[in-house]
Amino acid sequence: MTGSPENSLRIENIVASAKITDSLDLPQIASSIKDAEYNKKRFPGVVIRMQDPKIAALVFGSGKVVLTGAKSVENLTRGLNILGELLRNLGIEITNELSYKVQNIVTSADLGAGINLNKIAVGFNLERIEYEPEQFPGLVYRLDDPKVVVLLFGSGKLIITGGKVQEDAQRAVLKIVDDLKGLGLL
């Protein structure tokens, strides 16, 4: 095992939202920005995919934007600023100080050892878990503090979703390690 589970934490995706202006002309944006996708029958916004950082921006007529795919807060900030610049270059008034609100951080972690999900399902608080191996190979564990959902897999791999700050995932992993050790399952 390479270090402790909390050191194996890796951000897989950050989803954030921003309000960048009061309204946007989506057909104009779609036809002016290279590789922008707009098919209003399939999706009500323009999709702009950036390569560096690798982020997708979903741009809506209301002036709202959803950014997804970022692997760090720094990339999220860079992506939003790049989007702002693209739109300013089209003559659209976008405030200079763009800010976003993180909606969800998806993080992966590794306990470093296989775990017995059947025993965990019996040992953990039943109101907080879902485990139906014939439907999904992982155990779903809902925490209240931090308010996240953790998917545990028999391989010892974890996915933590629903976090708003990076520390949420760290706290969740520490709690799970603690719970598993308390039950003698790790």
N, C-alpha and C. Protein backbone atom coordinates (compact mmCIF):
# COMPACT_ATOMS: atom_id res chain seq x y z
N MET A 1 0.84 -1.19 0.00
CA MET A 1 0.00 0.00 0.00
C MET A 1 0.89 1.25 0.00
N THR A 2 0.59 2.17 -0.91
CA THR A 2 1.38 3.40 -0.99
C THR A 2 0.72 4.47 -0.14
N GLY A 3 1.18 4.61 1.09
CA GLY A 3 0.64 5.65 1.96
C GLY A 3 -0.76 5.34 2.45
N SER A 4 -1.38 6.35 3.03
CA SER A 4 -2.70 6.16 3.63
C SER A 4 -3.80 6.51 2.63
N PRO A 5 -5.02 5.99 2.87
CA PRO A 5 -6.13 6.24 1.93
C PRO A 5 -6.37 7.73 1.66
N GLU A 6 -6.22 8.58 2.69
CA GLU A 6 -6.49 10.00 2.44
C GLU A 6 -5.43 10.62 1.51
N ASN A 7 -4.24 9.98 1.41
CA ASN A 7 -3.23 10.46 0.47
C ASN A 7 -3.50 10.00 -0.96
N SER A 8 -4.42 9.05 -1.12
CA SER A 8 -4.73 8.55 -2.47
C SER A 8 -5.85 9.37 -3.12
N LEU A 9 -6.39 10.34 -2.40
CA LEU A 9 -7.50 11.13 -2.93
C LEU A 9 -7.11 11.84 -4.23
N ARG A 10 -8.01 11.73 -5.21
CA ARG A 10 -7.79 12.38 -6.50
C ARG A 10 -9.10 12.98 -6.99
N ILE A 11 -9.10 14.26 -7.29
CA ILE A 11 -10.31 14.89 -7.84
C ILE A 11 -10.51 14.38 -9.26
N GLU A 12 -11.70 13.86 -9.53
CA GLU A 12 -12.04 13.35 -10.86
C GLU A 12 -12.84 14.37 -11.66
N ASN A 13 -13.64 15.18 -10.96
CA ASN A 13 -14.51 16.13 -11.65
C ASN A 13 -15.02 17.16 -10.66
N ILE A 14 -15.01 18.41 -11.07
CA ILE A 14 -15.67 19.47 -10.29
C ILE A 14 -16.73 20.08 -11.19
N VAL A 15 -17.94 20.21 -10.66
CA VAL A 15 -19.03 20.86 -11.37
C VAL A 15 -19.33 22.16 -10.65
N ALA A 16 -19.38 23.25 -11.41
CA ALA A 16 -19.65 24.56 -10.80
C ALA A 16 -20.60 25.34 -11.69
N SER A 17 -21.28 26.31 -11.09
CA SER A 17 -22.19 27.15 -11.86
C SER A 17 -21.80 28.61 -11.67
N ALA A 18 -22.14 29.42 -12.67
CA ALA A 18 -21.84 30.84 -12.61
C ALA A 18 -22.93 31.61 -13.36
N LYS A 19 -23.13 32.85 -12.95
CA LYS A 19 -24.02 33.75 -13.69
C LYS A 19 -23.09 34.80 -14.28
N ILE A 20 -22.97 34.83 -15.62
CA ILE A 20 -21.96 35.71 -16.21
C ILE A 20 -22.55 36.96 -16.87
N THR A 21 -23.86 36.93 -17.14
CA THR A 21 -24.52 38.10 -17.73
C THR A 21 -26.03 37.87 -17.63
N ASP A 22 -26.82 38.85 -18.10
CA ASP A 22 -28.28 38.72 -17.94
C ASP A 22 -28.95 37.88 -19.01
N SER A 23 -28.41 37.91 -20.24
CA SER A 23 -28.96 37.03 -21.28
C SER A 23 -27.94 36.89 -22.39
N LEU A 24 -28.05 35.76 -23.11
CA LEU A 24 -27.10 35.47 -24.17
C LEU A 24 -27.84 35.00 -25.42
N ASP A 25 -27.31 35.37 -26.57
CA ASP A 25 -27.85 34.96 -27.86
C ASP A 25 -27.11 33.67 -28.26
N LEU A 26 -27.74 32.55 -27.96
CA LEU A 26 -27.07 31.26 -28.17
C LEU A 26 -26.73 30.96 -29.63
N PRO A 27 -27.64 31.20 -30.58
CA PRO A 27 -27.26 30.94 -31.98
C PRO A 27 -26.03 31.76 -32.41
N GLN A 28 -25.94 33.01 -31.95
CA GLN A 28 -24.79 33.85 -32.28
C GLN A 28 -23.51 33.26 -31.70
N ILE A 29 -23.58 32.83 -30.45
CA ILE A 29 -22.39 32.24 -29.79
C ILE A 29 -21.98 30.96 -30.51
N ALA A 30 -22.98 30.12 -30.82
CA ALA A 30 -22.69 28.83 -31.46
C ALA A 30 -22.03 29.02 -32.83
N SER A 31 -22.48 30.04 -33.57
CA SER A 31 -21.93 30.22 -34.91
C SER A 31 -20.60 30.98 -34.89
N SER A 32 -20.27 31.63 -33.79
CA SER A 32 -19.05 32.45 -33.73
C SER A 32 -17.88 31.76 -33.04
N ILE A 33 -18.16 30.77 -32.20
CA ILE A 33 -17.06 30.12 -31.46
C ILE A 33 -16.77 28.76 -32.09
N LYS A 34 -15.50 28.58 -32.44
CA LYS A 34 -15.05 27.34 -33.08
C LYS A 34 -15.39 26.14 -32.18
N ASP A 35 -15.93 25.11 -32.78
CA ASP A 35 -16.27 23.85 -32.10
C ASP A 35 -17.39 23.95 -31.07
N ALA A 36 -18.10 25.08 -31.02
CA ALA A 36 -19.25 25.17 -30.11
C ALA A 36 -20.37 24.30 -30.67
N GLU A 37 -21.07 23.58 -29.79
CA GLU A 37 -22.17 22.72 -30.24
C GLU A 37 -23.48 23.30 -29.73
N TYR A 38 -24.45 23.38 -30.64
CA TYR A 38 -25.77 23.86 -30.23
C TYR A 38 -26.83 23.13 -31.04
N ASN A 39 -27.63 22.34 -30.35
CA ASN A 39 -28.75 21.64 -30.97
C ASN A 39 -29.89 21.74 -29.98
N LYS A 40 -30.71 22.78 -30.15
CA LYS A 40 -31.68 23.08 -29.10
C LYS A 40 -32.74 22.00 -28.93
N LYS A 41 -32.90 21.12 -29.92
CA LYS A 41 -33.84 20.00 -29.74
C LYS A 41 -33.28 19.00 -28.72
N ARG A 42 -31.95 18.86 -28.69
CA ARG A 42 -31.32 17.88 -27.80
C ARG A 42 -30.93 18.45 -26.45
N PHE A 43 -30.50 19.74 -26.44
CA PHE A 43 -30.01 20.35 -25.20
C PHE A 43 -30.22 21.86 -25.29
N PRO A 44 -30.74 22.49 -24.23
CA PRO A 44 -31.11 23.91 -24.32
C PRO A 44 -29.95 24.90 -24.21
N GLY A 45 -28.72 24.43 -24.28
CA GLY A 45 -27.58 25.34 -24.17
C GLY A 45 -26.52 25.06 -25.20
N VAL A 46 -25.55 25.97 -25.27
CA VAL A 46 -24.39 25.79 -26.16
C VAL A 46 -23.31 25.08 -25.34
N VAL A 47 -22.70 24.06 -25.94
CA VAL A 47 -21.62 23.34 -25.27
C VAL A 47 -20.30 23.80 -25.90
N ILE A 48 -19.41 24.31 -25.05
CA ILE A 48 -18.10 24.74 -25.51
C ILE A 48 -17.07 23.89 -24.78
N ARG A 49 -16.32 23.10 -25.53
CA ARG A 49 -15.29 22.23 -24.94
C ARG A 49 -13.92 22.88 -25.06
N MET A 50 -13.27 23.01 -23.92
CA MET A 50 -11.91 23.57 -23.91
C MET A 50 -10.92 22.41 -23.78
N GLN A 51 -9.74 22.62 -24.33
CA GLN A 51 -8.72 21.57 -24.26
C GLN A 51 -7.74 21.79 -23.12
N ASP A 52 -7.44 23.08 -22.81
CA ASP A 52 -6.48 23.37 -21.75
C ASP A 52 -6.97 24.56 -20.95
N PRO A 53 -7.59 24.36 -19.82
CA PRO A 53 -7.84 23.07 -19.15
C PRO A 53 -8.97 22.31 -19.85
N LYS A 54 -9.00 21.00 -19.65
CA LYS A 54 -10.01 20.15 -20.28
C LYS A 54 -11.32 20.29 -19.50
N ILE A 55 -12.17 21.20 -19.97
CA ILE A 55 -13.42 21.53 -19.30
C ILE A 55 -14.50 21.72 -20.37
N ALA A 56 -15.73 21.36 -20.02
CA ALA A 56 -16.86 21.69 -20.88
C ALA A 56 -17.66 22.80 -20.20
N ALA A 57 -18.02 23.81 -20.97
CA ALA A 57 -18.87 24.89 -20.46
C ALA A 57 -20.23 24.75 -21.13
N LEU A 58 -21.28 24.66 -20.32
CA LEU A 58 -22.64 24.61 -20.82
C LEU A 58 -23.20 26.02 -20.63
N VAL A 59 -23.47 26.69 -21.73
CA VAL A 59 -23.84 28.10 -21.69
C VAL A 59 -25.32 28.22 -22.04
N PHE A 60 -26.08 28.90 -21.18
CA PHE A 60 -27.53 29.01 -21.35
C PHE A 60 -27.94 30.44 -21.68
N GLY A 61 -29.08 30.58 -22.34
CA GLY A 61 -29.60 31.88 -22.74
C GLY A 61 -29.82 32.82 -21.57
N SER A 62 -30.03 32.28 -20.39
CA SER A 62 -30.27 33.09 -19.18
C SER A 62 -29.01 33.79 -18.68
N GLY A 63 -27.86 33.46 -19.31
CA GLY A 63 -26.61 34.03 -18.83
C GLY A 63 -25.93 33.16 -17.79
N LYS A 64 -26.57 32.01 -17.52
CA LYS A 64 -25.97 31.07 -16.56
C LYS A 64 -25.07 30.10 -17.31
N VAL A 65 -24.06 29.61 -16.59
CA VAL A 65 -23.09 28.69 -17.17
C VAL A 65 -22.86 27.57 -16.17
N VAL A 66 -22.72 26.35 -16.66
CA VAL A 66 -22.29 25.23 -15.83
C VAL A 66 -20.96 24.75 -16.41
N LEU A 67 -19.97 24.64 -15.54
CA LEU A 67 -18.65 24.16 -15.94
C LEU A 67 -18.48 22.76 -15.38
N THR A 68 -18.00 21.84 -16.20
CA THR A 68 -17.82 20.47 -15.74
C THR A 68 -16.55 19.88 -16.33
N GLY A 69 -15.97 18.93 -15.61
CA GLY A 69 -14.77 18.26 -16.10
C GLY A 69 -13.49 18.75 -15.47
N ALA A 70 -13.54 19.82 -14.69
CA ALA A 70 -12.32 20.35 -14.08
C ALA A 70 -11.77 19.36 -13.06
N LYS A 71 -10.45 19.25 -13.00
CA LYS A 71 -9.80 18.36 -12.04
C LYS A 71 -9.20 19.15 -10.87
N SER A 72 -9.31 20.49 -10.93
CA SER A 72 -8.82 21.32 -9.83
C SER A 72 -9.57 22.64 -9.83
N VAL A 73 -9.56 23.30 -8.68
CA VAL A 73 -10.20 24.61 -8.55
C VAL A 73 -9.48 25.63 -9.43
N GLU A 74 -8.14 25.49 -9.55
CA GLU A 74 -7.38 26.41 -10.40
C GLU A 74 -7.84 26.29 -11.85
N ASN A 75 -8.03 25.05 -12.33
CA ASN A 75 -8.49 24.84 -13.71
C ASN A 75 -9.89 25.39 -13.92
N LEU A 76 -10.73 25.28 -12.90
CA LEU A 76 -12.09 25.80 -12.96
C LEU A 76 -12.04 27.32 -13.16
N THR A 77 -11.22 27.99 -12.36
CA THR A 77 -11.07 29.44 -12.45
C THR A 77 -10.53 29.82 -13.83
N ARG A 78 -9.50 29.10 -14.30
CA ARG A 78 -8.93 29.37 -15.63
C ARG A 78 -9.98 29.18 -16.72
N GLY A 79 -10.73 28.07 -16.63
CA GLY A 79 -11.76 27.77 -17.63
C GLY A 79 -12.82 28.86 -17.70
N LEU A 80 -13.27 29.33 -16.54
CA LEU A 80 -14.30 30.39 -16.51
C LEU A 80 -13.74 31.67 -17.11
N ASN A 81 -12.49 32.00 -16.81
CA ASN A 81 -11.88 33.21 -17.37
C ASN A 81 -11.69 33.11 -18.88
N ILE A 82 -11.33 31.92 -19.37
CA ILE A 82 -11.20 31.70 -20.83
C ILE A 82 -12.57 31.89 -21.49
N LEU A 83 -13.61 31.32 -20.88
CA LEU A 83 -14.97 31.47 -21.42
C LEU A 83 -15.36 32.95 -21.46
N GLY A 84 -15.10 33.66 -20.37
CA GLY A 84 -15.42 35.09 -20.31
C GLY A 84 -14.74 35.84 -21.44
N GLU A 85 -13.47 35.52 -21.69
CA GLU A 85 -12.69 36.18 -22.75
C GLU A 85 -13.29 35.86 -24.13
N LEU A 86 -13.64 34.57 -24.36
CA LEU A 86 -14.25 34.18 -25.64
C LEU A 86 -15.51 35.01 -25.91
N LEU A 87 -16.34 35.17 -24.88
CA LEU A 87 -17.60 35.89 -25.05
C LEU A 87 -17.36 37.40 -25.19
N ARG A 88 -16.40 37.94 -24.44
CA ARG A 88 -16.07 39.38 -24.57
C ARG A 88 -15.59 39.67 -26.00
N ASN A 89 -14.82 38.72 -26.57
CA ASN A 89 -14.32 38.90 -27.94
C ASN A 89 -15.45 38.96 -28.97
N LEU A 90 -16.64 38.47 -28.59
CA LEU A 90 -17.80 38.56 -29.49
C LEU A 90 -18.58 39.85 -29.23
N GLY A 91 -18.05 40.70 -28.35
CA GLY A 91 -18.72 41.97 -28.06
C GLY A 91 -19.80 41.83 -26.98
N ILE A 92 -19.82 40.72 -26.28
CA ILE A 92 -20.81 40.51 -25.22
C ILE A 92 -20.25 41.09 -23.92
N GLU A 93 -21.08 41.84 -23.21
CA GLU A 93 -20.63 42.43 -21.94
C GLU A 93 -20.62 41.38 -20.85
N ILE A 94 -19.43 41.07 -20.40
CA ILE A 94 -19.23 40.09 -19.33
C ILE A 94 -18.41 40.79 -18.26
N THR A 95 -18.84 40.71 -17.00
CA THR A 95 -18.09 41.38 -15.94
C THR A 95 -16.66 40.83 -15.88
N ASN A 96 -15.75 41.70 -15.45
CA ASN A 96 -14.34 41.30 -15.37
C ASN A 96 -14.09 40.28 -14.26
N GLU A 97 -14.79 40.44 -13.15
CA GLU A 97 -14.59 39.55 -12.00
C GLU A 97 -15.63 38.43 -12.05
N LEU A 98 -15.29 37.33 -12.72
CA LEU A 98 -16.22 36.21 -12.81
C LEU A 98 -16.03 35.30 -11.61
N SER A 99 -17.13 34.86 -11.03
CA SER A 99 -17.01 33.92 -9.91
C SER A 99 -18.01 32.79 -10.11
N TYR A 100 -17.74 31.67 -9.48
CA TYR A 100 -18.58 30.49 -9.63
C TYR A 100 -18.89 29.92 -8.26
N LYS A 101 -19.86 29.02 -8.25
CA LYS A 101 -20.22 28.30 -7.02
C LYS A 101 -20.03 26.81 -7.31
N VAL A 102 -19.23 26.15 -6.49
CA VAL A 102 -19.01 24.71 -6.68
C VAL A 102 -20.29 23.98 -6.28
N GLN A 103 -20.78 23.12 -7.17
CA GLN A 103 -21.99 22.34 -6.91
C GLN A 103 -21.67 20.92 -6.44
N ASN A 104 -20.56 20.38 -6.97
CA ASN A 104 -20.25 18.98 -6.67
C ASN A 104 -18.78 18.71 -6.99
N ILE A 105 -18.11 18.04 -6.06
CA ILE A 105 -16.75 17.57 -6.33
C ILE A 105 -16.78 16.05 -6.24
N VAL A 106 -16.34 15.39 -7.31
CA VAL A 106 -16.26 13.93 -7.33
C VAL A 106 -14.79 13.56 -7.15
N THR A 107 -14.53 12.74 -6.13
CA THR A 107 -13.16 12.37 -5.78
C THR A 107 -13.05 10.86 -5.70
N SER A 108 -11.89 10.33 -6.09
CA SER A 108 -11.66 8.89 -5.92
C SER A 108 -10.61 8.71 -4.83
N ALA A 109 -10.64 7.53 -4.20
CA ALA A 109 -9.65 7.19 -3.18
C ALA A 109 -9.48 5.68 -3.19
N ASP A 110 -8.45 5.21 -2.52
CA ASP A 110 -8.15 3.78 -2.48
C ASP A 110 -7.77 3.40 -1.05
N LEU A 111 -8.50 2.45 -0.49
CA LEU A 111 -8.20 1.99 0.87
C LEU A 111 -6.91 1.17 0.92
N GLY A 112 -6.44 0.74 -0.24
CA GLY A 112 -5.18 0.00 -0.31
C GLY A 112 -5.33 -1.48 -0.03
N ALA A 113 -6.57 -1.93 0.16
CA ALA A 113 -6.83 -3.36 0.41
C ALA A 113 -8.26 -3.66 0.02
N GLY A 114 -8.51 -4.92 -0.37
CA GLY A 114 -9.88 -5.34 -0.68
C GLY A 114 -10.73 -5.32 0.59
N ILE A 115 -12.03 -5.11 0.43
CA ILE A 115 -12.95 -5.08 1.58
C ILE A 115 -14.14 -5.99 1.31
N ASN A 116 -14.73 -6.51 2.37
CA ASN A 116 -15.88 -7.40 2.25
C ASN A 116 -17.16 -6.58 2.40
N LEU A 117 -17.80 -6.31 1.26
CA LEU A 117 -18.99 -5.45 1.27
C LEU A 117 -20.16 -6.08 2.02
N ASN A 118 -20.27 -7.40 1.99
CA ASN A 118 -21.36 -8.06 2.74
C ASN A 118 -21.23 -7.78 4.23
N LYS A 119 -20.01 -7.92 4.75
CA LYS A 119 -19.79 -7.66 6.18
C LYS A 119 -20.02 -6.19 6.52
N ILE A 120 -19.60 -5.31 5.61
CA ILE A 120 -19.80 -3.87 5.83
C ILE A 120 -21.29 -3.56 5.85
N ALA A 121 -22.02 -4.17 4.92
CA ALA A 121 -23.47 -3.94 4.85
C ALA A 121 -24.15 -4.34 6.15
N VAL A 122 -23.65 -5.38 6.79
CA VAL A 122 -24.22 -5.84 8.06
C VAL A 122 -23.77 -4.93 9.20
N GLY A 123 -22.52 -4.47 9.15
CA GLY A 123 -21.95 -3.71 10.26
C GLY A 123 -22.29 -2.23 10.28
N PHE A 124 -22.53 -1.65 9.12
CA PHE A 124 -22.80 -0.20 9.06
C PHE A 124 -24.26 0.09 9.39
N ASN A 125 -24.54 1.37 9.69
CA ASN A 125 -25.89 1.84 9.98
C ASN A 125 -26.78 1.63 8.75
N LEU A 126 -27.76 0.73 8.89
CA LEU A 126 -28.57 0.32 7.74
C LEU A 126 -29.36 1.45 7.09
N GLU A 127 -29.73 2.48 7.86
CA GLU A 127 -30.48 3.59 7.25
C GLU A 127 -29.59 4.39 6.30
N ARG A 128 -28.29 4.26 6.46
CA ARG A 128 -27.35 5.08 5.68
C ARG A 128 -26.80 4.37 4.45
N ILE A 129 -27.09 3.07 4.30
CA ILE A 129 -26.47 2.35 3.19
C ILE A 129 -27.48 1.71 2.25
N GLU A 130 -27.02 1.49 1.03
CA GLU A 130 -27.76 0.70 0.05
C GLU A 130 -26.76 -0.29 -0.52
N TYR A 131 -27.13 -1.56 -0.51
CA TYR A 131 -26.23 -2.56 -1.09
C TYR A 131 -27.07 -3.64 -1.74
N GLU A 132 -27.11 -3.60 -3.07
CA GLU A 132 -27.82 -4.61 -3.85
C GLU A 132 -26.87 -5.07 -4.95
N PRO A 133 -25.99 -6.04 -4.61
CA PRO A 133 -24.93 -6.43 -5.55
C PRO A 133 -25.42 -6.91 -6.91
N GLU A 134 -26.66 -7.42 -6.97
CA GLU A 134 -27.14 -7.88 -8.29
C GLU A 134 -27.53 -6.70 -9.19
N GLN A 135 -27.68 -5.50 -8.57
CA GLN A 135 -28.02 -4.32 -9.37
C GLN A 135 -26.84 -3.38 -9.58
N PHE A 136 -25.96 -3.31 -8.58
CA PHE A 136 -24.80 -2.41 -8.65
C PHE A 136 -23.69 -3.00 -7.78
N PRO A 137 -22.46 -3.08 -8.30
CA PRO A 137 -21.40 -3.80 -7.58
C PRO A 137 -20.82 -3.07 -6.37
N GLY A 138 -21.29 -1.86 -6.10
CA GLY A 138 -20.75 -1.11 -4.96
C GLY A 138 -21.77 -0.92 -3.86
N LEU A 139 -21.25 -0.57 -2.69
CA LEU A 139 -22.09 -0.26 -1.55
C LEU A 139 -22.20 1.26 -1.50
N VAL A 140 -23.42 1.77 -1.38
CA VAL A 140 -23.67 3.21 -1.33
C VAL A 140 -23.81 3.60 0.14
N TYR A 141 -22.98 4.51 0.59
CA TYR A 141 -22.96 4.93 2.00
C TYR A 141 -23.19 6.44 2.05
N ARG A 142 -24.29 6.87 2.66
CA ARG A 142 -24.62 8.29 2.75
C ARG A 142 -24.18 8.84 4.11
N LEU A 143 -23.30 9.83 4.07
CA LEU A 143 -22.84 10.46 5.31
C LEU A 143 -23.59 11.77 5.52
N ASP A 144 -23.76 12.14 6.79
CA ASP A 144 -24.38 13.42 7.12
C ASP A 144 -23.35 14.52 7.29
N ASP A 145 -22.18 14.14 7.83
CA ASP A 145 -21.16 15.12 8.09
C ASP A 145 -19.80 14.54 7.76
N PRO A 146 -19.22 14.87 6.63
CA PRO A 146 -19.71 15.81 5.62
C PRO A 146 -20.87 15.20 4.83
N LYS A 147 -21.69 16.05 4.23
CA LYS A 147 -22.86 15.58 3.49
C LYS A 147 -22.41 15.12 2.10
N VAL A 148 -21.98 13.85 2.04
CA VAL A 148 -21.51 13.27 0.78
C VAL A 148 -22.06 11.86 0.66
N VAL A 149 -21.94 11.31 -0.54
CA VAL A 149 -22.27 9.92 -0.78
C VAL A 149 -20.97 9.23 -1.18
N VAL A 150 -20.69 8.09 -0.53
CA VAL A 150 -19.48 7.35 -0.84
C VAL A 150 -19.87 6.01 -1.44
N LEU A 151 -19.28 5.68 -2.58
CA LEU A 151 -19.45 4.37 -3.18
C LEU A 151 -18.23 3.55 -2.80
N LEU A 152 -18.45 2.43 -2.11
CA LEU A 152 -17.34 1.54 -1.73
C LEU A 152 -17.39 0.31 -2.63
N PHE A 153 -16.23 -0.09 -3.14
CA PHE A 153 -16.14 -1.27 -3.98
C PHE A 153 -15.27 -2.32 -3.30
N GLY A 154 -15.51 -3.58 -3.63
CA GLY A 154 -14.77 -4.69 -3.02
C GLY A 154 -13.27 -4.58 -3.20
N SER A 155 -12.84 -3.88 -4.24
CA SER A 155 -11.40 -3.71 -4.51
C SER A 155 -10.74 -2.78 -3.49
N GLY A 156 -11.58 -2.07 -2.71
CA GLY A 156 -11.04 -1.08 -1.78
C GLY A 156 -11.05 0.32 -2.38
N LYS A 157 -11.53 0.43 -3.62
CA LYS A 157 -11.62 1.75 -4.25
C LYS A 157 -12.90 2.44 -3.77
N LEU A 158 -12.83 3.76 -3.66
CA LEU A 158 -13.96 4.58 -3.22
C LEU A 158 -14.19 5.70 -4.22
N ILE A 159 -15.46 6.10 -4.36
CA ILE A 159 -15.81 7.32 -5.09
C ILE A 159 -16.62 8.16 -4.10
N ILE A 160 -16.21 9.41 -3.92
CA ILE A 160 -16.92 10.31 -3.00
C ILE A 160 -17.55 11.40 -3.87
N THR A 161 -18.85 11.59 -3.73
CA THR A 161 -19.54 12.58 -4.54
C THR A 161 -20.44 13.45 -3.66
N GLY A 162 -20.68 14.68 -4.12
CA GLY A 162 -21.55 15.57 -3.37
C GLY A 162 -20.80 16.59 -2.54
N GLY A 163 -19.47 16.49 -2.51
CA GLY A 163 -18.69 17.45 -1.73
C GLY A 163 -18.74 18.83 -2.34
N LYS A 164 -18.59 19.84 -1.49
CA LYS A 164 -18.55 21.23 -1.97
C LYS A 164 -17.14 21.80 -1.85
N VAL A 165 -16.33 21.21 -0.97
CA VAL A 165 -14.93 21.62 -0.81
C VAL A 165 -14.08 20.35 -0.73
N GLN A 166 -12.79 20.48 -1.07
CA GLN A 166 -11.90 19.31 -1.10
C GLN A 166 -11.85 18.58 0.24
N GLU A 167 -11.94 19.34 1.33
CA GLU A 167 -11.84 18.73 2.66
C GLU A 167 -12.98 17.74 2.93
N ASP A 168 -14.12 17.91 2.24
CA ASP A 168 -15.24 16.98 2.44
C ASP A 168 -14.81 15.54 2.14
N ALA A 169 -14.08 15.35 1.05
CA ALA A 169 -13.64 14.01 0.66
C ALA A 169 -12.64 13.46 1.67
N GLN A 170 -11.72 14.32 2.13
CA GLN A 170 -10.73 13.87 3.12
C GLN A 170 -11.45 13.41 4.40
N ARG A 171 -12.39 14.22 4.86
CA ARG A 171 -13.12 13.88 6.09
C ARG A 171 -13.92 12.59 5.90
N ALA A 172 -14.52 12.41 4.73
CA ALA A 172 -15.31 11.21 4.46
C ALA A 172 -14.42 9.96 4.50
N VAL A 173 -13.25 10.04 3.87
CA VAL A 173 -12.34 8.89 3.84
C VAL A 173 -11.87 8.56 5.26
N LEU A 174 -11.52 9.58 6.03
CA LEU A 174 -11.07 9.33 7.40
C LEU A 174 -12.18 8.67 8.22
N LYS A 175 -13.42 9.13 8.01
CA LYS A 175 -14.55 8.54 8.74
C LYS A 175 -14.74 7.08 8.34
N ILE A 176 -14.67 6.79 7.06
CA ILE A 176 -14.88 5.41 6.60
C ILE A 176 -13.77 4.49 7.11
N VAL A 177 -12.53 4.96 7.04
CA VAL A 177 -11.41 4.17 7.54
C VAL A 177 -11.64 3.88 9.03
N ASP A 178 -12.05 4.92 9.75
CA ASP A 178 -12.33 4.79 11.19
C ASP A 178 -13.44 3.75 11.44
N ASP A 179 -14.55 3.88 10.69
CA ASP A 179 -15.68 2.97 10.83
C ASP A 179 -15.26 1.53 10.53
N LEU A 180 -14.50 1.33 9.45
CA LEU A 180 -14.07 -0.01 9.04
C LEU A 180 -13.13 -0.62 10.07
N LYS A 181 -12.21 0.20 10.58
CA LYS A 181 -11.29 -0.30 11.62
C LYS A 181 -12.06 -0.66 12.89
N GLY A 182 -13.06 0.19 13.22
CA GLY A 182 -13.89 -0.06 14.40
C GLY A 182 -14.64 -1.38 14.32
N LEU A 183 -14.99 -1.78 13.09
CA LEU A 183 -15.69 -3.06 12.89
C LEU A 183 -14.70 -4.20 12.63
N GLY A 184 -13.41 -3.89 12.65
CA GLY A 184 -12.40 -4.92 12.37
C GLY A 184 -12.39 -5.36 10.92
N LEU A 185 -12.84 -4.51 10.01
CA LEU A 185 -12.95 -4.88 8.60
C LEU A 185 -11.86 -4.27 7.73
N LEU A 186 -10.89 -3.61 8.36
CA LEU A 186 -9.78 -3.03 7.59
C LEU A 186 -8.50 -3.17 8.39
